[in-house]
Structure formats: C-alpha cells, structure tokens
C-alpha cells in the first residue's frame, strides 16, 4: 500500500465522504487511491472554488471539509477560503504534496526530523515554493510538513482532534513527494481516539445561575458557536433578562426584531459602550 492510499483509507475511517480539489502531477498517488474508495470527489475549476465548496460543506454538515490541492499554486490559490474559514471557525483539512529538499542541500532535514523543510528556491522544479507550510500558517490552526510516514499519520490524527476539541479552524498538511510515493510497511492506519468532552457537574451550573441572577448589568455576547442554538440563547436572554449582542458569525442566533437584540456589529461604538 502506498502512503497516498493510506491517507485516503484513514480519511474514510474518519467518515470523510467528499473531497474537493484538482488533481495534478504531484498528487497522483492521492487521486489513484480516491478512485478506489467510497469518497466522492468534487472537481472545481479553481482551487479557490474547492476551498469555498469545502467550507460550505462543513457549515451545512458539521463535518470537516477536505481538499486535495497541488504543490505551490494550488496552495496559494486556496489561501482566500482558508482565511475565511479561519475567521469563521470552520473546520477544513487541506492536504497538499510538496517538493522534497534537494539531496545536496546542506540544510536538508533528516529522515526522522519534524522540522520544516528549508527554503529551496531557484532550482527550477515544477511548482517550486520555499517554505510551503509558512504560506498558510497564519490562516490555520496549524500548518506542518510531514517528516516521515509516522509523522504524517500523527498530523492527520491531530487535525481531527483539533476539529473535535478546539476552536474548529482549518489545518494544512504538506506531504513531501518521496513520502507520498513510498510504501507503507506498517499495518494500515486506523482512526485515532476521539475526544470525549468533560461534562460539568451540577455545581458549575448552579454557580453560573447564581452569578447571572446577581448580575446588575448582564449582557449576552453570542458568537458563531451559538448559530445552531438560537432558541436557547433567546430563552436565556428572556429569563435573565439581558440584551444580546452577536458577532457577525453569530448573526441569526436572535432575530433582529426581538426587543432584546442589540445588534450584530460588534465594532460599533454603541455595542462597545453597552459591553463596557
């Protein structure tokens, strides 16, 4: 089994049923495995479209949107939807190949290193880019380059743990071509342990209730995490009672015509004064 197939099988085990992307010379092993999987591939005309499709898929289904893009221009083309997903806390997984460091480079990484591939510019290789992980790092929960097969496996498991247990922002994983095209000697990869949320005991809720009852000027600030729980937000606001300010991502948690709705433009002077 090639590493490309192992990646696809691992994604299947996590319940991935759609992948958005455009095949290219460097991503052949990923696409070879896709053709023999249960995953449906959606082909856009541009990687930016792939990113926005995956973003929409994630918002509707609640599951991470997954994209396969090519090295270099595929990564730079998907940066705009990555930035949108980062801003709106949408789980996206972008997987891309990347050129290996040249064998004679004095600063090339060792086989067991987890450091980033160093800049290798001006060698004329197809879709050459310097530090590819750095390109997307500011727009993701993390962006890393796999140093070997085991590291790649751990990065994918880490991505899904982020989607489950942290603020669900995008993740970008780069796979050097030598790794992507190599054989997996170990047993097939399996889904990692899922995150189980701790449930607070009754005393925590009692303390929160008492704090709300005792508050003199309570205000509810509803963010994107409240989008699917609008009825609960409104019920809480009416029970306290308290005005509700929503962020742009939380807009819709309470109707704009509701007497307790204080707007969704967090940066306005009125909203800031109310929160103060």
C-alpha atoms as a PDB file:
ATOM      1  CA  UNK A   1       0.000   0.000   0.000  1.00  0.00           C
ATOM      2  CA  UNK A   2       1.319   3.425  -0.977  1.00  0.00           C
ATOM      3  CA  UNK A   3       1.217   6.261   1.531  1.00  0.00           C
ATOM      4  CA  UNK A   4      -1.266   8.068  -0.723  1.00  0.00           C
ATOM      5  CA  UNK A   5      -3.691   5.169  -0.360  1.00  0.00           C
ATOM      6  CA  UNK A   6      -3.072   5.003   3.392  1.00  0.00           C
ATOM      7  CA  UNK A   7      -4.075   8.670   3.669  1.00  0.00           C
ATOM      8  CA  UNK A   8      -7.314   8.089   1.778  1.00  0.00           C
ATOM      9  CA  UNK A   9      -8.178   4.982   3.829  1.00  0.00           C
ATOM     10  CA  UNK A  10      -7.526   6.920   7.028  1.00  0.00           C
ATOM     11  CA  UNK A  11      -9.820   9.732   5.884  1.00  0.00           C
ATOM     12  CA  UNK A  12     -12.517   7.134   5.153  1.00  0.00           C
ATOM     13  CA  UNK A  13     -12.186   5.803   8.703  1.00  0.00           C
ATOM     14  CA  UNK A  14     -12.890   9.335   9.977  1.00  0.00           C
ATOM     15  CA  UNK A  15     -16.118   9.420   7.968  1.00  0.00           C
ATOM     16  CA  UNK A  16     -14.911  11.654   5.134  1.00  0.00           C
ATOM     17  CA  UNK A  17     -17.304  11.150   2.219  1.00  0.00           C
ATOM     18  CA  UNK A  18     -16.381  14.082  -0.042  1.00  0.00           C
ATOM     19  CA  UNK A  19     -13.069  15.562  -1.157  1.00  0.00           C
ATOM     20  CA  UNK A  20     -12.802  18.789  -3.148  1.00  0.00           C
ATOM     21  CA  UNK A  21      -9.828  19.500  -5.368  1.00  0.00           C
ATOM     22  CA  UNK A  22      -7.960  19.442  -8.652  1.00  0.00           C
ATOM     23  CA  UNK A  23      -5.526  16.621  -9.496  1.00  0.00           C
ATOM     24  CA  UNK A  24      -2.017  17.399 -10.644  1.00  0.00           C
ATOM     25  CA  UNK A  25       1.326  15.784 -11.347  1.00  0.00           C
ATOM     26  CA  UNK A  26       2.395  15.757  -7.719  1.00  0.00           C
ATOM     27  CA  UNK A  27      -0.884  14.479  -6.240  1.00  0.00           C
ATOM     28  CA  UNK A  28      -1.342  11.421  -8.462  1.00  0.00           C
ATOM     29  CA  UNK A  29      -0.948   8.946  -5.592  1.00  0.00           C
ATOM     30  CA  UNK A  30      -3.753  10.609  -3.629  1.00  0.00           C
ATOM     31  CA  UNK A  31      -6.059  10.531  -6.651  1.00  0.00           C
ATOM     32  CA  UNK A  32      -5.118   6.981  -7.571  1.00  0.00           C
ATOM     33  CA  UNK A  33      -6.391   5.925  -4.145  1.00  0.00           C
ATOM     34  CA  UNK A  34      -9.522   8.094  -4.371  1.00  0.00           C
ATOM     35  CA  UNK A  35     -10.707   6.251  -7.474  1.00  0.00           C
ATOM     36  CA  UNK A  36     -10.890   3.032  -5.475  1.00  0.00           C
ATOM     37  CA  UNK A  37     -12.540   4.479  -2.382  1.00  0.00           C
ATOM     38  CA  UNK A  38     -16.038   5.334  -1.162  1.00  0.00           C
ATOM     39  CA  UNK A  39     -15.203   9.051  -1.194  1.00  0.00           C
ATOM     40  CA  UNK A  40     -16.899  11.266  -3.775  1.00  0.00           C
ATOM     41  CA  UNK A  41     -14.540  13.704  -5.469  1.00  0.00           C
ATOM     42  CA  UNK A  42     -15.812  17.145  -6.472  1.00  0.00           C
ATOM     43  CA  UNK A  43     -13.817  18.861  -9.242  1.00  0.00           C
ATOM     44  CA  UNK A  44     -13.954  22.687  -9.322  1.00  0.00           C
ATOM     45  CA  UNK A  45     -12.391  24.953 -11.945  1.00  0.00           C
ATOM     46  CA  UNK A  46     -10.035  26.559  -9.444  1.00  0.00           C
ATOM     47  CA  UNK A  47      -8.604  25.639  -6.038  1.00  0.00           C
ATOM     48  CA  UNK A  48     -10.286  28.699  -4.540  1.00  0.00           C
ATOM     49  CA  UNK A  49     -13.591  27.142  -5.554  1.00  0.00           C
ATOM     50  CA  UNK A  50     -12.550  23.875  -3.915  1.00  0.00           C
ATOM     51  CA  UNK A  51     -11.898  25.707  -0.662  1.00  0.00           C
ATOM     52  CA  UNK A  52     -15.215  27.535  -0.657  1.00  0.00           C
ATOM     53  CA  UNK A  53     -17.093  24.348  -1.591  1.00  0.00           C
ATOM     54  CA  UNK A  54     -15.460  22.533   1.325  1.00  0.00           C
ATOM     55  CA  UNK A  55     -16.277  25.488   3.566  1.00  0.00           C
ATOM     56  CA  UNK A  56     -19.950  25.312   2.602  1.00  0.00           C
ATOM     57  CA  UNK A  57     -19.967  21.542   3.051  1.00  0.00           C
ATOM     58  CA  UNK A  58     -18.536  21.907   6.560  1.00  0.00           C
ATOM     59  CA  UNK A  59     -21.071  24.577   7.560  1.00  0.00           C
ATOM     60  CA  UNK A  60     -24.032  22.504   6.362  1.00  0.00           C
ATOM     61  CA  UNK A  61     -22.961  19.055   7.573  1.00  0.00           C
ATOM     62  CA  UNK A  62     -20.966  19.971  10.670  1.00  0.00           C
ATOM     63  CA  UNK A  63     -18.138  17.704   9.440  1.00  0.00           C
ATOM     64  CA  UNK A  64     -14.712  18.869   8.254  1.00  0.00           C
ATOM     65  CA  UNK A  65     -14.416  19.807   4.600  1.00  0.00           C
ATOM     66  CA  UNK A  66     -11.408  18.137   2.930  1.00  0.00           C
ATOM     67  CA  UNK A  67      -9.387  19.437  -0.029  1.00  0.00           C
ATOM     68  CA  UNK A  68      -6.576  17.931  -2.104  1.00  0.00           C
ATOM     69  CA  UNK A  69      -4.530  20.601  -3.894  1.00  0.00           C
ATOM     70  CA  UNK A  70      -1.261  20.602  -5.803  1.00  0.00           C
ATOM     71  CA  UNK A  71       2.058  21.957  -4.638  1.00  0.00           C
ATOM     72  CA  UNK A  72       2.784  25.682  -4.882  1.00  0.00           C
ATOM     73  CA  UNK A  73      -0.005  27.383  -6.864  1.00  0.00           C
ATOM     74  CA  UNK A  74      -2.639  25.006  -5.513  1.00  0.00           C
ATOM     75  CA  UNK A  75      -1.726  26.086  -2.000  1.00  0.00           C
ATOM     76  CA  UNK A  76      -1.621  29.800  -2.805  1.00  0.00           C
ATOM     77  CA  UNK A  77      -4.935  29.574  -4.671  1.00  0.00           C
ATOM     78  CA  UNK A  78      -6.744  28.143  -1.642  1.00  0.00           C
ATOM     79  CA  UNK A  79      -5.499  30.782   0.802  1.00  0.00           C
ATOM     80  CA  UNK A  80      -8.583  33.007   0.409  1.00  0.00           C
ATOM     81  CA  UNK A  81     -11.095  30.344   1.542  1.00  0.00           C
ATOM     82  CA  UNK A  82      -8.623  29.292   4.240  1.00  0.00           C
ATOM     83  CA  UNK A  83      -8.687  32.845   5.567  1.00  0.00           C
ATOM     84  CA  UNK A  84     -12.487  32.893   5.508  1.00  0.00           C
ATOM     85  CA  UNK A  85     -12.706  29.558   7.312  1.00  0.00           C
ATOM     86  CA  UNK A  86     -10.156  30.725   9.884  1.00  0.00           C
ATOM     87  CA  UNK A  87     -12.178  33.880  10.547  1.00  0.00           C
ATOM     88  CA  UNK A  88     -15.465  31.983  10.830  1.00  0.00           C
ATOM     89  CA  UNK A  89     -14.119  28.947  12.755  1.00  0.00           C
ATOM     90  CA  UNK A  90     -14.909  26.403  10.044  1.00  0.00           C
ATOM     91  CA  UNK A  91     -13.101  23.020  10.037  1.00  0.00           C
ATOM     92  CA  UNK A  92     -11.198  22.464   6.781  1.00  0.00           C
ATOM     93  CA  UNK A  93      -8.420  19.967   6.097  1.00  0.00           C
ATOM     94  CA  UNK A  94      -6.174  20.885   3.172  1.00  0.00           C
ATOM     95  CA  UNK A  95      -3.694  18.205   2.092  1.00  0.00           C
ATOM     96  CA  UNK A  96      -1.050  19.011  -0.492  1.00  0.00           C
ATOM     97  CA  UNK A  97       2.183  17.479  -1.767  1.00  0.00           C
ATOM     98  CA  UNK A  98       5.406  19.469  -1.615  1.00  0.00           C
ATOM     99  CA  UNK A  99       8.808  19.126  -3.278  1.00  0.00           C
ATOM    100  CA  UNK A 100      11.459  17.341  -1.217  1.00  0.00           C
ATOM    101  CA  UNK A 101      14.598  19.194  -0.172  1.00  0.00           C
ATOM    102  CA  UNK A 102      17.421  18.607  -2.631  1.00  0.00           C
ATOM    103  CA  UNK A 103      19.799  15.771  -1.639  1.00  0.00           C
ATOM    104  CA  UNK A 104      22.846  18.003  -1.741  1.00  0.00           C
ATOM    105  CA  UNK A 105      21.333  20.813   0.313  1.00  0.00           C
ATOM    106  CA  UNK A 106      23.412  21.473   3.392  1.00  0.00           C
ATOM    107  CA  UNK A 107      20.357  22.321   5.450  1.00  0.00           C
ATOM    108  CA  UNK A 108      18.129  19.457   4.316  1.00  0.00           C
ATOM    109  CA  UNK A 109      16.148  17.754   7.056  1.00  0.00           C
ATOM    110  CA  UNK A 110      16.974  14.244   8.230  1.00  0.00           C
ATOM    111  CA  UNK A 111      14.573  11.349   7.787  1.00  0.00           C
ATOM    112  CA  UNK A 112      13.402  11.484  11.395  1.00  0.00           C
ATOM    113  CA  UNK A 113      13.256  15.271  11.790  1.00  0.00           C
ATOM    114  CA  UNK A 114       9.962  17.017  12.433  1.00  0.00           C
ATOM    115  CA  UNK A 115      11.323  20.410  11.420  1.00  0.00           C
ATOM    116  CA  UNK A 116      10.022  22.249   8.410  1.00  0.00           C
ATOM    117  CA  UNK A 117      11.607  21.718   5.018  1.00  0.00           C
ATOM    118  CA  UNK A 118      14.020  24.633   4.486  1.00  0.00           C
ATOM    119  CA  UNK A 119      13.746  27.096   1.641  1.00  0.00           C
ATOM    120  CA  UNK A 120      14.949  25.563  -1.635  1.00  0.00           C
ATOM    121  CA  UNK A 121      14.452  28.255  -4.244  1.00  0.00           C
ATOM    122  CA  UNK A 122      15.623  28.839  -7.819  1.00  0.00           C
ATOM    123  CA  UNK A 123      16.228  25.229  -8.779  1.00  0.00           C
ATOM    124  CA  UNK A 124      13.580  25.241 -11.498  1.00  0.00           C
ATOM    125  CA  UNK A 125      11.467  22.396 -10.146  1.00  0.00           C
ATOM    126  CA  UNK A 126       7.787  22.175 -11.039  1.00  0.00           C
ATOM    127  CA  UNK A 127       5.554  24.196  -8.704  1.00  0.00           C
ATOM    128  CA  UNK A 128       8.546  25.111  -6.602  1.00  0.00           C
ATOM    129  CA  UNK A 129       7.824  27.036  -3.461  1.00  0.00           C
ATOM    130  CA  UNK A 130      10.004  27.857  -0.464  1.00  0.00           C
ATOM    131  CA  UNK A 131       8.586  27.162   2.970  1.00  0.00           C
ATOM    132  CA  UNK A 132       5.150  25.972   1.874  1.00  0.00           C
ATOM    133  CA  UNK A 133       3.878  25.426   5.412  1.00  0.00           C
ATOM    134  CA  UNK A 134       4.715  29.018   6.314  1.00  0.00           C
ATOM    135  CA  UNK A 135       2.486  30.272   3.486  1.00  0.00           C
ATOM    136  CA  UNK A 136      -0.675  29.057   5.205  1.00  0.00           C
ATOM    137  CA  UNK A 137       0.391  29.071   8.850  1.00  0.00           C
ATOM    138  CA  UNK A 138      -1.259  32.379   9.760  1.00  0.00           C
ATOM    139  CA  UNK A 139      -4.588  31.152   8.355  1.00  0.00           C
ATOM    140  CA  UNK A 140      -4.766  27.769  10.074  1.00  0.00           C
ATOM    141  CA  UNK A 141      -4.896  26.122  13.482  1.00  0.00           C
ATOM    142  CA  UNK A 142      -1.614  24.565  12.383  1.00  0.00           C
ATOM    143  CA  UNK A 143       0.289  24.067   9.127  1.00  0.00           C
ATOM    144  CA  UNK A 144       3.043  21.453   9.070  1.00  0.00           C
ATOM    145  CA  UNK A 145       5.141  19.404   6.675  1.00  0.00           C
ATOM    146  CA  UNK A 146       5.347  15.673   7.347  1.00  0.00           C
ATOM    147  CA  UNK A 147       8.889  14.479   8.004  1.00  0.00           C
ATOM    148  CA  UNK A 148       8.081  10.787   7.537  1.00  0.00           C
ATOM    149  CA  UNK A 149       5.108   8.406   7.332  1.00  0.00           C
ATOM    150  CA  UNK A 150       4.587   8.174  11.085  1.00  0.00           C
ATOM    151  CA  UNK A 151       4.704  11.950  11.447  1.00  0.00           C
ATOM    152  CA  UNK A 152       2.112  12.268   8.651  1.00  0.00           C
ATOM    153  CA  UNK A 153      -0.167   9.808  10.465  1.00  0.00           C
ATOM    154  CA  UNK A 154       0.139  11.806  13.692  1.00  0.00           C
ATOM    155  CA  UNK A 155      -0.567  15.096  11.883  1.00  0.00           C
ATOM    156  CA  UNK A 156      -3.822  13.774  10.404  1.00  0.00           C
ATOM    157  CA  UNK A 157      -4.928  12.432  13.797  1.00  0.00           C
ATOM    158  CA  UNK A 158      -4.020  15.779  15.354  1.00  0.00           C
ATOM    159  CA  UNK A 159      -6.118  17.599  12.738  1.00  0.00           C
ATOM    160  CA  UNK A 160      -9.272  15.672  13.604  1.00  0.00           C
ATOM    161  CA  UNK A 161      -8.659  16.163  17.328  1.00  0.00           C
ATOM    162  CA  UNK A 162      -8.483  19.906  16.671  1.00  0.00           C
ATOM    163  CA  UNK A 163     -11.782  19.749  14.796  1.00  0.00           C
ATOM    164  CA  UNK A 164     -13.427  17.920  17.708  1.00  0.00           C
ATOM    165  CA  UNK A 165     -11.918  19.516  20.784  1.00  0.00           C
ATOM    166  CA  UNK A 166     -10.723  23.022  19.939  1.00  0.00           C
ATOM    167  CA  UNK A 167     -11.938  26.024  18.010  1.00  0.00           C
ATOM    168  CA  UNK A 168     -12.506  24.265  14.648  1.00  0.00           C
ATOM    169  CA  UNK A 169     -10.202  26.229  12.379  1.00  0.00           C
ATOM    170  CA  UNK A 170      -8.540  24.969   9.161  1.00  0.00           C
ATOM    171  CA  UNK A 171      -5.475  22.724   9.052  1.00  0.00           C
ATOM    172  CA  UNK A 172      -2.928  22.404   6.235  1.00  0.00           C
ATOM    173  CA  UNK A 173      -0.672  19.342   5.921  1.00  0.00           C
ATOM    174  CA  UNK A 174       2.098  19.181   3.307  1.00  0.00           C
ATOM    175  CA  UNK A 175       3.428  15.763   2.237  1.00  0.00           C
ATOM    176  CA  UNK A 176       6.872  15.570   0.568  1.00  0.00           C
ATOM    177  CA  UNK A 177       6.735  13.641  -2.698  1.00  0.00           C
ATOM    178  CA  UNK A 178       9.175  10.959  -1.510  1.00  0.00           C
ATOM    179  CA  UNK A 179       6.832  10.152   1.384  1.00  0.00           C
ATOM    180  CA  UNK A 180       3.629  10.293  -0.644  1.00  0.00           C
ATOM    181  CA  UNK A 181       5.019   7.858  -3.228  1.00  0.00           C
ATOM    182  CA  UNK A 182       6.608   5.441  -0.751  1.00  0.00           C
ATOM    183  CA  UNK A 183       5.217   2.132   0.502  1.00  0.00           C
ATOM    184  CA  UNK A 184       3.587   1.765   3.914  1.00  0.00           C
ATOM    185  CA  UNK A 185       5.348  -1.168   5.560  1.00  0.00           C
ATOM    186  CA  UNK A 186       3.421  -0.975   8.815  1.00  0.00           C
ATOM    187  CA  UNK A 187      -0.203  -2.165   9.284  1.00  0.00           C
ATOM    188  CA  UNK A 188      -2.875   0.111   7.754  1.00  0.00           C
ATOM    189  CA  UNK A 189      -3.512   3.300   9.689  1.00  0.00           C
ATOM    190  CA  UNK A 190      -6.546   3.396  11.947  1.00  0.00           C
ATOM    191  CA  UNK A 191      -8.622   6.281  13.218  1.00  0.00           C
ATOM    192  CA  UNK A 192      -7.178   7.799  16.371  1.00  0.00           C
ATOM    193  CA  UNK A 193      -9.005   8.042  19.656  1.00  0.00           C
ATOM    194  CA  UNK A 194     -11.855  10.521  19.576  1.00  0.00           C
ATOM    195  CA  UNK A 195     -12.080  13.344  22.066  1.00  0.00           C
ATOM    196  CA  UNK A 196     -14.711  12.990  24.805  1.00  0.00           C
ATOM    197  CA  UNK A 197     -15.872  16.241  26.326  1.00  0.00           C
ATOM    198  CA  UNK A 198     -15.912  16.548  30.080  1.00  0.00           C
ATOM    199  CA  UNK A 199     -19.424  17.214  31.384  1.00  0.00           C
ATOM    200  CA  UNK A 200     -19.583  19.776  34.170  1.00  0.00           C
ATOM    201  CA  UNK A 201     -21.372  18.719  37.332  1.00  0.00           C
ATOM    202  CA  UNK A 202     -24.477  20.467  38.641  1.00  0.00           C
ATOM    203  CA  UNK A 203     -22.493  22.746  40.963  1.00  0.00           C
ATOM    204  CA  UNK A 204     -20.943  24.526  37.984  1.00  0.00           C
ATOM    205  CA  UNK A 205     -24.347  25.306  36.518  1.00  0.00           C
ATOM    206  CA  UNK A 206     -25.655  26.384  39.913  1.00  0.00           C
ATOM    207  CA  UNK A 207     -22.752  28.810  40.308  1.00  0.00           C
ATOM    208  CA  UNK A 208     -23.336  30.216  36.822  1.00  0.00           C
ATOM    209  CA  UNK A 209     -27.047  30.643  37.557  1.00  0.00           C
ATOM    210  CA  UNK A 210     -26.361  32.473  40.793  1.00  0.00           C
ATOM    211  CA  UNK A 211     -23.872  34.773  39.067  1.00  0.00           C
ATOM    212  CA  UNK A 212     -26.438  35.643  36.395  1.00  0.00           C
ATOM    213  CA  UNK A 213     -29.194  36.276  38.931  1.00  0.00           C
ATOM    214  CA  UNK A 214     -26.901  38.529  40.978  1.00  0.00           C
ATOM    215  CA  UNK A 215     -25.562  40.462  37.967  1.00  0.00           C
ATOM    216  CA  UNK A 216     -26.689  44.099  37.768  1.00  0.00           C
ATOM    217  CA  UNK A 217     -25.981  44.717  34.075  1.00  0.00           C
ATOM    218  CA  UNK A 218     -25.747  41.345  32.307  1.00  0.00           C
ATOM    219  CA  UNK A 219     -25.166  41.253  28.541  1.00  0.00           C
ATOM    220  CA  UNK A 220     -25.018  38.151  26.356  1.00  0.00           C
ATOM    221  CA  UNK A 221     -22.321  38.136  23.667  1.00  0.00           C
ATOM    222  CA  UNK A 222     -23.284  35.368  21.214  1.00  0.00           C
ATOM    223  CA  UNK A 223     -20.620  34.174  18.782  1.00  0.00           C
ATOM    224  CA  UNK A 224     -20.561  31.678  15.945  1.00  0.00           C
ATOM    225  CA  UNK A 225     -20.869  28.756  18.342  1.00  0.00           C
ATOM    226  CA  UNK A 226     -24.442  29.844  19.078  1.00  0.00           C
ATOM    227  CA  UNK A 227     -25.648  29.688  15.477  1.00  0.00           C
ATOM    228  CA  UNK A 228     -27.439  26.362  15.938  1.00  0.00           C
ATOM    229  CA  UNK A 229     -28.694  27.124  19.447  1.00  0.00           C
ATOM    230  CA  UNK A 230     -30.633  30.330  18.865  1.00  0.00           C
ATOM    231  CA  UNK A 231     -33.714  29.171  20.787  1.00  0.00           C
ATOM    232  CA  UNK A 232     -31.605  28.559  23.885  1.00  0.00           C
ATOM    233  CA  UNK A 233     -29.908  31.951  23.554  1.00  0.00           C
ATOM    234  CA  UNK A 234     -33.268  33.704  23.321  1.00  0.00           C
ATOM    235  CA  UNK A 235     -34.719  31.698  26.214  1.00  0.00           C
ATOM    236  CA  UNK A 236     -31.746  32.611  28.412  1.00  0.00           C
ATOM    237  CA  UNK A 237     -31.906  36.268  27.396  1.00  0.00           C
ATOM    238  CA  UNK A 238     -35.610  36.463  28.217  1.00  0.00           C
ATOM    239  CA  UNK A 239     -35.166  34.610  31.510  1.00  0.00           C
ATOM    240  CA  UNK A 240     -32.421  36.902  32.883  1.00  0.00           C
ATOM    241  CA  UNK A 241     -33.417  39.293  31.117  1.00  0.00           C
ATOM    242  CA  UNK A 242     -30.374  40.582  29.198  1.00  0.00           C
ATOM    243  CA  UNK A 243     -29.694  42.270  25.854  1.00  0.00           C
ATOM    244  CA  UNK A 244     -27.930  40.154  23.237  1.00  0.00           C
ATOM    245  CA  UNK A 245     -25.049  41.355  21.056  1.00  0.00           C
ATOM    246  CA  UNK A 246     -23.960  38.919  18.362  1.00  0.00           C
ATOM    247  CA  UNK A 247     -20.770  38.783  16.380  1.00  0.00           C
ATOM    248  CA  UNK A 248     -21.082  38.657  12.599  1.00  0.00           C
ATOM    249  CA  UNK A 249     -20.563  34.876  12.764  1.00  0.00           C
ATOM    250  CA  UNK A 250     -23.290  34.603  15.419  1.00  0.00           C
ATOM    251  CA  UNK A 251     -25.830  36.644  13.479  1.00  0.00           C
ATOM    252  CA  UNK A 252     -29.180  34.884  13.418  1.00  0.00           C
ATOM    253  CA  UNK A 253     -28.927  33.452  16.926  1.00  0.00           C
ATOM    254  CA  UNK A 254     -31.576  36.037  17.821  1.00  0.00           C
ATOM    255  CA  UNK A 255     -33.923  37.799  15.427  1.00  0.00           C
ATOM    256  CA  UNK A 256     -33.082  41.423  14.701  1.00  0.00           C
ATOM    257  CA  UNK A 257     -36.659  42.426  15.549  1.00  0.00           C
ATOM    258  CA  UNK A 258     -36.505  40.894  19.034  1.00  0.00           C
ATOM    259  CA  UNK A 259     -36.640  43.643  21.726  1.00  0.00           C
ATOM    260  CA  UNK A 260     -33.524  42.190  23.417  1.00  0.00           C
ATOM    261  CA  UNK A 261     -31.439  42.143  20.227  1.00  0.00           C
ATOM    262  CA  UNK A 262     -28.743  44.822  20.489  1.00  0.00           C
ATOM    263  CA  UNK A 263     -27.301  44.266  17.026  1.00  0.00           C
ATOM    264  CA  UNK A 264     -24.568  42.240  15.376  1.00  0.00           C
ATOM    265  CA  UNK A 265     -21.940  44.867  14.639  1.00  0.00           C
ATOM    266  CA  UNK A 266     -19.523  44.288  17.471  1.00  0.00           C
ATOM    267  CA  UNK A 267     -17.171  47.083  16.384  1.00  0.00           C
ATOM    268  CA  UNK A 268     -19.764  49.861  16.545  1.00  0.00           C
ATOM    269  CA  UNK A 269     -19.489  52.479  19.288  1.00  0.00           C
ATOM    270  CA  UNK A 270     -22.934  51.606  20.676  1.00  0.00           C
ATOM    271  CA  UNK A 271     -22.109  47.910  21.008  1.00  0.00           C
ATOM    272  CA  UNK A 272     -18.756  48.630  22.632  1.00  0.00           C
ATOM    273  CA  UNK A 273     -20.353  51.064  25.085  1.00  0.00           C
ATOM    274  CA  UNK A 274     -23.007  48.519  26.021  1.00  0.00           C
ATOM    275  CA  UNK A 275     -20.380  45.827  26.649  1.00  0.00           C
ATOM    276  CA  UNK A 276     -18.316  48.186  28.789  1.00  0.00           C
END
